[in-house]
Protein backbone atom coordinates (compact mmCIF):
# COMPACT_ATOMS: atom_id res chain seq x y z
CA UNK A 1 -1.65 27.93 70.26
CA UNK A 2 0.42 25.01 68.20
CA UNK A 3 -3.36 23.72 66.67
CA UNK A 4 -3.61 27.19 64.85
CA UNK A 5 0.00 26.92 63.77
CA UNK A 6 -0.35 23.77 62.42
CA UNK A 7 -4.64 24.15 61.04
CA UNK A 8 -2.42 26.85 59.11
CA UNK A 9 -0.47 24.34 58.05
CA UNK A 10 -3.14 21.68 56.57
CA UNK A 11 -4.43 24.64 55.17
CA UNK A 12 -2.19 26.13 53.31
CA UNK A 13 -0.87 22.90 51.85
CA UNK A 14 -4.20 21.25 51.03
CA UNK A 15 -4.72 25.03 49.55
CA UNK A 16 -1.49 24.01 47.09
CA UNK A 17 -2.86 20.86 45.94
CA UNK A 18 -5.63 21.21 44.79
CA UNK A 19 -5.28 24.86 43.13
CA UNK A 20 -2.08 22.25 41.38
CA UNK A 21 -5.13 20.27 40.63
CA UNK A 22 -7.79 22.58 39.35
CA UNK A 23 -4.27 23.86 37.62
CA UNK A 24 -3.66 20.49 36.16
CA UNK A 25 -7.28 19.83 34.81
CA UNK A 26 -7.39 23.26 32.98
CA UNK A 27 -4.24 22.81 31.30
CA UNK A 28 -5.75 19.08 30.26
CA UNK A 29 -9.22 20.87 28.55
CA UNK A 30 -6.78 23.61 26.85
CA UNK A 31 -4.03 21.50 24.93
CA UNK A 32 -7.17 18.79 24.27
CA UNK A 33 -7.83 20.83 21.59
CA UNK A 34 -5.31 21.62 19.91
CA UNK A 35 -3.79 17.84 20.01
CA UNK A 36 -7.46 16.05 18.73
CA UNK A 37 -6.44 18.37 15.59
CA UNK A 38 -3.44 17.03 14.53
CA UNK A 39 -5.34 13.64 14.43
CA UNK A 40 -5.99 11.92 10.03
CA UNK A 41 -9.42 14.09 8.71
CA UNK A 42 -11.84 11.89 7.85
CA UNK A 43 -11.30 12.19 4.54
CA UNK A 44 -7.77 10.39 4.90
CA UNK A 45 -9.18 8.07 7.27
CA UNK A 46 -11.32 6.83 4.61
CA UNK A 47 -8.86 6.10 1.66
CA UNK A 48 -6.11 5.13 4.34
CA UNK A 49 -8.41 1.83 2.39
CA UNK A 50 -10.34 0.04 0.04
CA UNK A 51 -12.47 -2.51 -0.79
CA UNK A 52 -12.43 -3.94 -4.50
CA UNK A 53 -15.22 -5.98 -6.21
CA UNK A 54 -13.43 -8.73 -8.65
CA UNK A 55 -15.73 -10.09 -9.97
CA UNK A 56 -16.61 -8.11 -13.06
CA UNK A 57 -12.78 -7.87 -14.29
CA UNK A 58 -12.59 -10.93 -16.97
CA UNK A 59 -9.94 -12.50 -17.32
CA UNK A 60 -7.74 -10.08 -19.09
CA UNK A 61 -8.30 -7.91 -17.97
CA UNK A 62 -6.92 -4.87 -15.77
CA UNK A 63 -8.41 -2.09 -13.88
CA UNK A 64 -7.40 0.54 -12.29
CA UNK A 65 -8.59 2.14 -9.28
CA UNK A 66 -7.54 5.02 -6.61
CA UNK A 67 -5.78 4.36 -3.56
CA UNK A 68 -3.91 6.86 -1.12
CA UNK A 69 -4.15 9.62 -4.07
CA UNK A 70 -2.22 6.96 -6.16
CA UNK A 71 -3.12 4.75 -8.93
CA UNK A 72 -3.00 1.12 -8.93
CA UNK A 73 -3.36 -1.84 -10.78
CA UNK A 74 -5.96 -4.68 -10.04
CA UNK A 75 -5.49 -7.58 -13.10
CA UNK A 76 -7.29 -10.18 -14.07
CA UNK A 77 -5.08 -13.03 -15.87
CA UNK A 78 -5.29 -15.27 -18.46
CA UNK A 79 -3.42 -18.86 -18.21
CA UNK A 80 -0.84 -17.71 -20.22
CA UNK A 81 0.52 -14.36 -18.58
CA UNK A 82 0.85 -16.43 -15.31
CA UNK A 83 2.71 -19.27 -17.29
CA UNK A 84 5.29 -16.76 -18.83
CA UNK A 85 5.66 -15.05 -15.37
CA UNK A 86 7.17 -18.49 -13.26
CA UNK A 87 8.63 -18.98 -16.35
CA UNK A 88 11.35 -16.25 -16.28
CA UNK A 89 14.52 -17.53 -13.90
CA UNK A 90 15.35 -15.61 -10.82
CA UNK A 91 18.61 -14.90 -11.89
CA UNK A 92 17.35 -13.15 -15.20
CA UNK A 93 15.09 -10.25 -13.43
CA UNK A 94 16.68 -6.90 -12.18
CA UNK A 95 15.38 -7.22 -8.94
CA UNK A 96 15.28 -9.87 -7.67
CA UNK A 97 13.47 -8.73 -5.15
CA UNK A 98 9.68 -9.66 -4.94
CA UNK A 99 9.12 -5.35 -3.14
CA UNK A 100 5.39 -7.48 -1.64
CA UNK A 101 4.41 -5.90 1.58
CA UNK A 102 2.23 -8.98 2.51
CA UNK A 103 5.01 -10.89 2.78
CA UNK A 104 8.35 -11.42 4.16
CA UNK A 105 10.99 -8.42 3.36
CA UNK A 106 13.93 -9.75 0.95
CA UNK A 107 11.32 -11.99 -0.73
CA UNK A 108 12.26 -13.17 -3.49
CA UNK A 109 10.84 -12.02 -6.90
CA UNK A 110 9.41 -15.55 -7.96
CA UNK A 111 4.81 -15.01 -9.22
CA UNK A 112 4.27 -16.46 -6.42
CA UNK A 113 5.89 -14.11 -4.30
CA UNK A 114 3.86 -11.38 -5.93
CA UNK A 115 0.61 -12.53 -5.14
CA UNK A 116 -1.86 -12.95 -2.54
CA UNK A 117 -3.27 -15.72 -0.34
CA UNK A 118 -1.42 -18.16 -4.10
CA UNK A 119 -4.80 -16.26 -6.21
CA UNK A 120 -1.95 -16.21 -9.60
CA UNK A 121 -4.93 -14.87 -11.19
CA UNK A 122 -5.44 -11.41 -9.30
CA UNK A 123 -2.09 -8.57 -9.47
CA UNK A 124 -2.76 -6.20 -7.35
CA UNK A 125 0.33 -3.35 -7.68
CA UNK A 126 0.52 -0.18 -7.10
CA UNK A 127 0.70 1.75 -10.97
CA UNK A 128 3.34 3.97 -9.99
CA UNK A 129 7.08 3.41 -12.40
CA UNK A 130 10.15 3.49 -9.83
CA UNK A 131 12.49 5.14 -12.10
CA UNK A 132 10.23 8.33 -12.34
CA UNK A 133 6.54 7.89 -11.02
CA UNK A 134 5.11 7.82 -14.72
CA UNK A 135 1.79 5.52 -15.07
CA UNK A 136 2.98 2.69 -17.24
CA UNK A 137 0.77 1.68 -19.82
CA UNK A 138 -0.89 -2.03 -19.23
CA UNK A 139 -0.80 -4.41 -22.57
CA UNK A 140 3.22 -3.58 -23.82
CA UNK A 141 6.35 -3.74 -24.04
CA UNK A 142 8.51 -6.26 -25.07
CA UNK A 143 7.35 -8.66 -21.93
CA UNK A 144 3.65 -8.53 -22.78
CA UNK A 145 2.19 -12.44 -24.05
CA UNK A 146 0.75 -12.52 -27.96
CA UNK A 147 -2.52 -13.97 -27.78
CA UNK A 148 -4.29 -13.79 -31.39
CA UNK A 149 -3.14 -10.16 -32.93
CA UNK A 150 -3.01 -7.99 -29.18
CA UNK A 151 -0.29 -8.51 -26.28
CA UNK A 152 -1.35 -8.61 -22.93
CA UNK A 153 -0.44 -8.79 -19.71
CA UNK A 154 2.75 -6.48 -19.76
CA UNK A 155 4.11 -2.90 -19.15
CA UNK A 156 5.85 -0.14 -20.93
CA UNK A 157 6.38 3.21 -19.44
CA UNK A 158 6.91 5.59 -22.63
CA UNK A 159 8.70 8.14 -20.77
CA UNK A 160 11.98 6.71 -20.27
CA UNK A 161 11.22 3.19 -22.08
CA UNK A 162 11.47 0.72 -18.13
CA UNK A 163 9.40 -2.74 -19.51
CA UNK A 164 7.87 -5.20 -16.97
CA UNK A 165 7.37 -7.97 -17.53
CA UNK A 166 3.12 -10.17 -16.71
CA UNK A 167 4.67 -9.88 -13.52
CA UNK A 168 4.89 -6.49 -12.96
CA UNK A 169 8.59 -6.82 -12.39
CA UNK A 170 11.20 -3.98 -14.20
CA UNK A 171 12.90 -6.28 -17.02
CA UNK A 172 14.66 -3.76 -18.99
CA UNK A 173 15.50 0.27 -19.11
CA UNK A 174 15.48 2.47 -16.06
CA UNK A 175 13.22 1.77 -12.62
CA UNK A 176 15.25 0.52 -10.99
CA UNK A 177 13.09 -1.74 -9.02
CA UNK A 178 9.93 -4.21 -9.48
CA UNK A 179 6.49 -2.26 -9.30
CA UNK A 180 5.23 -2.74 -6.04
CA UNK A 181 2.28 -4.98 -3.62
CA UNK A 182 0.55 -2.31 -1.93
CA UNK A 183 -0.60 -4.38 1.36
CA UNK A 184 -3.81 -6.34 0.05
CA UNK A 185 -5.93 -8.57 1.35
CA UNK A 186 -8.57 -11.28 0.46
CA UNK A 187 -12.26 -10.31 2.37
CA UNK A 188 -13.87 -13.96 0.05
CA UNK A 189 -13.21 -15.07 -2.81
CA UNK A 190 -14.37 -11.83 -5.50
CA UNK A 191 -13.16 -9.26 -2.87
CA UNK A 192 -9.75 -7.74 -1.40
CA UNK A 193 -9.42 -4.70 0.02
CA UNK A 194 -5.78 -2.80 -0.19
CA UNK A 195 -4.64 -1.37 2.40
């Protein structure tokens, strides 16, 4: 008689464990589609990074790309633009921080800290004014370099008068910060990946 009672307990324990296991697996199968639907859409993942061929961008030219729904400036700077940016004393800057996601937090806003990999001829930065989010106009403003009859480099935001130099640093106007440099890296001498 004791064996029958013991057998009933073992069967009951087995049924409880089996029922709990089936319920756990069933619950996971029900929750799985709900969890996976929260992952980013394929279109969003595709925009997470873009590759940019720098070869067609001639010296003195600027292109505006779209990354994560925001405009990005990619400028092939001329030697006078680079020299003008390097000549600026850091104490003259309104925002002394580089704002480069590729460097260390709080780095000084020197021209060298605003580019990646020592490739100073290409400047990549977000094309959104740090005051109210307008897109600044290129090759304009007081801090552009005059070459011949034209201004090169420098950006001017016509909405409220913010002016950026040839390294994208705020120099005048209500904008509080330099134009931020997004995360990017060189895949080759003529190709970068933003993001």
